[in-house]
Amino acid sequence: MIMQTKWIERRFNFDFPVGMMPVIIERLRGTHSRVEACAAGLSREILIARVAEKWSIQEHIGHLIDVDELHDGRIDDFLARKLELRAADMANVKTNSAGHNGRDIRELINDFRKKRLKFISRVEELNDGEAERISLHPRLRQSMRLVDMLYFVAEHDDHHLAVIRNNIRLLSQ
């Protein structure tokens, strides 16, 4: 099996038109359904098991909830025309201390769905001029438009979904 590239090693080219925003929004809208489909029918033991000392499936889902707060804040940064976006907590303190494994999976997925749909609702209110606003991403040291940030979020979602799928495969053997 091909080893997945670590998130912090990813590089991005943001060279697509703003008109891709509806497609990106649709991708973001579908993440909670894909998360729910991944978790469907899994035992609690599989959902909370850690693979190679890394996050469990539930912790990956919880992480998606935790970082939606960052994404929402970055929209504020773009709208306020800040030169640089707020930084992510690369130590993931919030996720590591949240106790996501102690929660019921249905509650976790429902929480993610609610937060993501609220985020989508906010994004859908943006106009072309707002979607084209540019700020510097603090870790990538790369300029990005608000529409690029949405693509970045979708890629982040898919990164964690791929890890979840791999964990399911490994834990189901």
C-alpha atoms as a PDB file:
ATOM      1  CA  MET A   1       0.000   0.000   0.000  1.00  0.00           C
ATOM      2  CA  ILE A   2       1.195   3.534  -0.784  1.00  0.00           C
ATOM      3  CA  MET A   3       2.209   5.493   2.321  1.00  0.00           C
ATOM      4  CA  GLN A   4       0.138   8.664   2.754  1.00  0.00           C
ATOM      5  CA  THR A   5       2.066  11.942   2.721  1.00  0.00           C
ATOM      6  CA  LYS A   6       2.102  13.647   6.112  1.00  0.00           C
ATOM      7  CA  TRP A   7      -0.145  16.713   6.285  1.00  0.00           C
ATOM      8  CA  ILE A   8       2.669  19.054   7.266  1.00  0.00           C
ATOM      9  CA  GLU A   9       4.683  17.909   4.238  1.00  0.00           C
ATOM     10  CA  ARG A  10       1.945  18.814   1.747  1.00  0.00           C
ATOM     11  CA  ARG A  11       2.443  21.698  -0.673  1.00  0.00           C
ATOM     12  CA  PHE A  12      -0.330  23.416  -2.600  1.00  0.00           C
ATOM     13  CA  ASN A  13      -0.853  25.184  -5.907  1.00  0.00           C
ATOM     14  CA  PHE A  14      -3.732  27.607  -5.784  1.00  0.00           C
ATOM     15  CA  ASP A  15      -4.178  28.265  -9.478  1.00  0.00           C
ATOM     16  CA  PHE A  16      -7.860  27.606 -10.052  1.00  0.00           C
ATOM     17  CA  PRO A  17     -10.549  30.215 -10.745  1.00  0.00           C
ATOM     18  CA  VAL A  18     -12.832  31.586  -8.032  1.00  0.00           C
ATOM     19  CA  GLY A  19     -15.653  29.959 -10.005  1.00  0.00           C
ATOM     20  CA  MET A  20     -14.535  26.636  -8.481  1.00  0.00           C
ATOM     21  CA  MET A  21     -15.876  27.798  -5.131  1.00  0.00           C
ATOM     22  CA  PRO A  22     -19.320  26.137  -5.505  1.00  0.00           C
ATOM     23  CA  VAL A  23     -17.590  22.796  -6.209  1.00  0.00           C
ATOM     24  CA  ILE A  24     -15.313  23.201  -3.199  1.00  0.00           C
ATOM     25  CA  ILE A  25     -18.277  24.121  -0.997  1.00  0.00           C
ATOM     26  CA  GLU A  26     -20.089  20.999  -2.173  1.00  0.00           C
ATOM     27  CA  ARG A  27     -17.060  18.917  -1.254  1.00  0.00           C
ATOM     28  CA  LEU A  28     -16.983  20.509   2.214  1.00  0.00           C
ATOM     29  CA  ARG A  29     -20.714  19.941   2.599  1.00  0.00           C
ATOM     30  CA  GLY A  30     -20.248  16.219   1.989  1.00  0.00           C
ATOM     31  CA  THR A  31     -17.510  15.603   4.526  1.00  0.00           C
ATOM     32  CA  HIS A  32     -19.825  14.834   7.436  1.00  0.00           C
ATOM     33  CA  SER A  33     -21.730  12.289   5.313  1.00  0.00           C
ATOM     34  CA  ARG A  34     -18.464  10.582   4.391  1.00  0.00           C
ATOM     35  CA  VAL A  35     -17.387  10.592   8.043  1.00  0.00           C
ATOM     36  CA  GLU A  36     -20.712   9.036   9.001  1.00  0.00           C
ATOM     37  CA  ALA A  37     -20.363   6.392   6.277  1.00  0.00           C
ATOM     38  CA  CYS A  38     -16.853   5.505   7.498  1.00  0.00           C
ATOM     39  CA  ALA A  39     -18.012   5.049  11.085  1.00  0.00           C
ATOM     40  CA  ALA A  40     -21.208   3.161  10.265  1.00  0.00           C
ATOM     41  CA  GLY A  41     -21.301  -0.292  11.788  1.00  0.00           C
ATOM     42  CA  LEU A  42     -17.911  -0.067  13.486  1.00  0.00           C
ATOM     43  CA  SER A  43     -17.592  -1.362  17.016  1.00  0.00           C
ATOM     44  CA  ARG A  44     -16.694   1.020  19.800  1.00  0.00           C
ATOM     45  CA  GLU A  45     -13.409  -0.883  20.166  1.00  0.00           C
ATOM     46  CA  ILE A  46     -12.423  -0.067  16.578  1.00  0.00           C
ATOM     47  CA  LEU A  47     -13.636   3.536  16.850  1.00  0.00           C
ATOM     48  CA  ILE A  48     -11.430   4.296  19.870  1.00  0.00           C
ATOM     49  CA  ALA A  49      -8.435   2.087  19.049  1.00  0.00           C
ATOM     50  CA  ARG A  50      -5.183   3.847  18.307  1.00  0.00           C
ATOM     51  CA  VAL A  51      -2.972   2.721  15.459  1.00  0.00           C
ATOM     52  CA  ALA A  52       0.791   3.196  15.930  1.00  0.00           C
ATOM     53  CA  GLU A  53       0.241   5.474  18.957  1.00  0.00           C
ATOM     54  CA  LYS A  54      -1.671   7.984  16.795  1.00  0.00           C
ATOM     55  CA  TRP A  55      -5.246   9.236  17.004  1.00  0.00           C
ATOM     56  CA  SER A  56      -8.197   6.894  16.959  1.00  0.00           C
ATOM     57  CA  ILE A  57     -10.999   7.201  14.411  1.00  0.00           C
ATOM     58  CA  GLN A  58     -13.061   9.172  16.925  1.00  0.00           C
ATOM     59  CA  GLU A  59     -10.138  11.477  17.658  1.00  0.00           C
ATOM     60  CA  HIS A  60      -9.710  12.180  13.932  1.00  0.00           C
ATOM     61  CA  ILE A  61     -13.420  13.047  13.738  1.00  0.00           C
ATOM     62  CA  GLY A  62     -13.084  15.208  16.844  1.00  0.00           C
ATOM     63  CA  HIS A  63     -10.093  16.956  15.290  1.00  0.00           C
ATOM     64  CA  LEU A  64     -12.241  17.958  12.307  1.00  0.00           C
ATOM     65  CA  ILE A  65     -14.687  19.521  14.779  1.00  0.00           C
ATOM     66  CA  ASP A  66     -11.882  21.250  16.650  1.00  0.00           C
ATOM     67  CA  VAL A  67     -10.279  22.844  13.582  1.00  0.00           C
ATOM     68  CA  ASP A  68     -13.541  24.163  12.132  1.00  0.00           C
ATOM     69  CA  GLU A  69     -13.182  26.916  14.762  1.00  0.00           C
ATOM     70  CA  LEU A  70      -9.835  27.837  13.173  1.00  0.00           C
ATOM     71  CA  HIS A  71     -11.336  27.823   9.675  1.00  0.00           C
ATOM     72  CA  ASP A  72     -14.186  30.064  10.803  1.00  0.00           C
ATOM     73  CA  GLY A  73     -11.684  32.442  12.405  1.00  0.00           C
ATOM     74  CA  ARG A  74      -9.681  32.555   9.208  1.00  0.00           C
ATOM     75  CA  ILE A  75     -12.773  33.726   7.341  1.00  0.00           C
ATOM     76  CA  ASP A  76     -12.864  36.599   9.853  1.00  0.00           C
ATOM     77  CA  ASP A  77      -9.192  37.286   9.060  1.00  0.00           C
ATOM     78  CA  PHE A  78      -9.869  37.469   5.324  1.00  0.00           C
ATOM     79  CA  LEU A  79     -12.911  39.697   5.789  1.00  0.00           C
ATOM     80  CA  ALA A  80     -10.907  41.984   8.098  1.00  0.00           C
ATOM     81  CA  ARG A  81      -8.215  42.131   5.366  1.00  0.00           C
ATOM     82  CA  LYS A  82      -5.518  40.863   7.718  1.00  0.00           C
ATOM     83  CA  LEU A  83      -2.157  40.421   6.029  1.00  0.00           C
ATOM     84  CA  GLU A  84      -1.593  37.061   7.708  1.00  0.00           C
ATOM     85  CA  LEU A  85      -4.074  34.419   8.801  1.00  0.00           C
ATOM     86  CA  ARG A  86      -4.189  33.199  12.378  1.00  0.00           C
ATOM     87  CA  ALA A  87      -1.928  30.238  13.007  1.00  0.00           C
ATOM     88  CA  ALA A  88      -3.099  26.726  13.705  1.00  0.00           C
ATOM     89  CA  ASP A  89      -2.100  25.002  16.912  1.00  0.00           C
ATOM     90  CA  MET A  90       0.344  22.534  15.396  1.00  0.00           C
ATOM     91  CA  ALA A  91       0.595  20.709  18.744  1.00  0.00           C
ATOM     92  CA  ASN A  92      -3.164  19.998  18.494  1.00  0.00           C
ATOM     93  CA  VAL A  93      -3.649  20.692  22.204  1.00  0.00           C
ATOM     94  CA  LYS A  94      -7.426  21.007  21.834  1.00  0.00           C
ATOM     95  CA  THR A  95      -7.818  17.628  20.132  1.00  0.00           C
ATOM     96  CA  ASN A  96      -5.361  15.882  22.424  1.00  0.00           C
ATOM     97  CA  SER A  97      -7.146  17.100  25.550  1.00  0.00           C
ATOM     98  CA  ALA A  98     -10.772  16.949  24.362  1.00  0.00           C
ATOM     99  CA  GLY A  99     -11.533  13.353  25.320  1.00  0.00           C
ATOM    100  CA  HIS A 100     -13.185  12.540  22.000  1.00  0.00           C
ATOM    101  CA  ASN A 101     -12.885   8.801  22.723  1.00  0.00           C
ATOM    102  CA  GLY A 102     -15.201   9.257  25.697  1.00  0.00           C
ATOM    103  CA  ARG A 103     -18.028  10.554  23.525  1.00  0.00           C
ATOM    104  CA  ASP A 104     -20.739   8.619  21.733  1.00  0.00           C
ATOM    105  CA  ILE A 105     -19.965   8.358  18.002  1.00  0.00           C
ATOM    106  CA  ARG A 106     -23.449   9.569  17.012  1.00  0.00           C
ATOM    107  CA  GLU A 107     -23.019  12.659  19.188  1.00  0.00           C
ATOM    108  CA  LEU A 108     -19.574  13.298  17.715  1.00  0.00           C
ATOM    109  CA  ILE A 109     -20.802  13.006  14.119  1.00  0.00           C
ATOM    110  CA  ASN A 110     -23.865  15.148  14.846  1.00  0.00           C
ATOM    111  CA  ASP A 111     -21.649  17.820  16.414  1.00  0.00           C
ATOM    112  CA  PHE A 112     -19.421  17.824  13.334  1.00  0.00           C
ATOM    113  CA  ARG A 113     -22.451  18.019  11.023  1.00  0.00           C
ATOM    114  CA  LYS A 114     -23.881  21.023  12.888  1.00  0.00           C
ATOM    115  CA  LYS A 115     -20.596  22.924  12.989  1.00  0.00           C
ATOM    116  CA  ARG A 116     -19.754  22.183   9.371  1.00  0.00           C
ATOM    117  CA  LEU A 117     -23.206  23.204   8.099  1.00  0.00           C
ATOM    118  CA  LYS A 118     -22.904  26.460  10.053  1.00  0.00           C
ATOM    119  CA  PHE A 119     -19.510  27.032   8.416  1.00  0.00           C
ATOM    120  CA  ILE A 120     -20.947  26.242   4.955  1.00  0.00           C
ATOM    121  CA  SER A 121     -23.845  28.621   5.541  1.00  0.00           C
ATOM    122  CA  ARG A 122     -21.393  31.392   6.303  1.00  0.00           C
ATOM    123  CA  VAL A 123     -19.241  30.606   3.264  1.00  0.00           C
ATOM    124  CA  GLU A 124     -22.244  30.605   0.936  1.00  0.00           C
ATOM    125  CA  GLU A 125     -22.927  34.226   1.873  1.00  0.00           C
ATOM    126  CA  LEU A 126     -19.573  35.383   0.485  1.00  0.00           C
ATOM    127  CA  ASN A 127     -19.316  37.241  -2.810  1.00  0.00           C
ATOM    128  CA  ASP A 128     -16.628  37.008  -5.503  1.00  0.00           C
ATOM    129  CA  GLY A 129     -14.679  39.972  -4.135  1.00  0.00           C
ATOM    130  CA  GLU A 130     -14.536  38.423  -0.664  1.00  0.00           C
ATOM    131  CA  ALA A 131     -13.579  35.013  -2.084  1.00  0.00           C
ATOM    132  CA  GLU A 132     -10.630  36.659  -3.882  1.00  0.00           C
ATOM    133  CA  ARG A 133      -9.204  38.381  -0.798  1.00  0.00           C
ATOM    134  CA  ILE A 134      -5.610  37.403  -0.124  1.00  0.00           C
ATOM    135  CA  SER A 135      -3.719  36.713   3.094  1.00  0.00           C
ATOM    136  CA  LEU A 136      -0.554  34.865   3.984  1.00  0.00           C
ATOM    137  CA  HIS A 137      -0.916  31.342   5.350  1.00  0.00           C
ATOM    138  CA  PRO A 138       1.388  31.303   8.404  1.00  0.00           C
ATOM    139  CA  ARG A 139       2.752  27.741   8.114  1.00  0.00           C
ATOM    140  CA  LEU A 140       2.923  27.460   4.334  1.00  0.00           C
ATOM    141  CA  ARG A 141       4.359  30.996   4.022  1.00  0.00           C
ATOM    142  CA  GLN A 142       2.247  31.207   0.899  1.00  0.00           C
ATOM    143  CA  SER A 143      -0.367  33.746  -0.144  1.00  0.00           C
ATOM    144  CA  MET A 144      -3.829  32.334  -0.549  1.00  0.00           C
ATOM    145  CA  ARG A 145      -7.257  33.624  -1.432  1.00  0.00           C
ATOM    146  CA  LEU A 146     -10.249  32.847   0.734  1.00  0.00           C
ATOM    147  CA  VAL A 147     -11.383  30.352  -1.922  1.00  0.00           C
ATOM    148  CA  ASP A 148      -7.944  28.688  -1.643  1.00  0.00           C
ATOM    149  CA  MET A 149      -8.396  28.392   2.111  1.00  0.00           C
ATOM    150  CA  LEU A 150     -11.643  26.513   1.484  1.00  0.00           C
ATOM    151  CA  TYR A 151      -9.805  24.140  -0.844  1.00  0.00           C
ATOM    152  CA  PHE A 152      -7.152  23.722   1.867  1.00  0.00           C
ATOM    153  CA  VAL A 153      -9.897  22.788   4.367  1.00  0.00           C
ATOM    154  CA  ALA A 154     -11.343  20.236   1.921  1.00  0.00           C
ATOM    155  CA  GLU A 155      -7.889  18.718   1.440  1.00  0.00           C
ATOM    156  CA  HIS A 156      -7.439  18.588   5.218  1.00  0.00           C
ATOM    157  CA  ASP A 157     -10.791  16.804   5.558  1.00  0.00           C
ATOM    158  CA  ASP A 158      -9.773  14.262   2.925  1.00  0.00           C
ATOM    159  CA  HIS A 159      -6.394  13.746   4.569  1.00  0.00           C
ATOM    160  CA  HIS A 160      -8.122  12.691   7.795  1.00  0.00           C
ATOM    161  CA  LEU A 161     -10.719  10.592   5.972  1.00  0.00           C
ATOM    162  CA  ALA A 162      -7.913   8.691   4.237  1.00  0.00           C
ATOM    163  CA  VAL A 163      -6.245   8.043   7.593  1.00  0.00           C
ATOM    164  CA  ILE A 164      -9.584   6.885   9.039  1.00  0.00           C
ATOM    165  CA  ARG A 165     -10.110   4.478   6.114  1.00  0.00           C
ATOM    166  CA  ASN A 166      -6.605   3.100   6.557  1.00  0.00           C
ATOM    167  CA  ASN A 167      -7.174   2.649  10.304  1.00  0.00           C
ATOM    168  CA  ILE A 168     -10.411   0.781   9.581  1.00  0.00           C
ATOM    169  CA  ARG A 169      -8.544  -1.490   7.187  1.00  0.00           C
ATOM    170  CA  LEU A 170      -5.752  -2.180   9.679  1.00  0.00           C
ATOM    171  CA  LEU A 171      -8.087  -2.717  12.643  1.00  0.00           C
ATOM    172  CA  SER A 172     -10.457  -4.979  10.710  1.00  0.00           C
ATOM    173  CA  GLN A 173      -7.806  -7.505   9.679  1.00  0.00           C
END
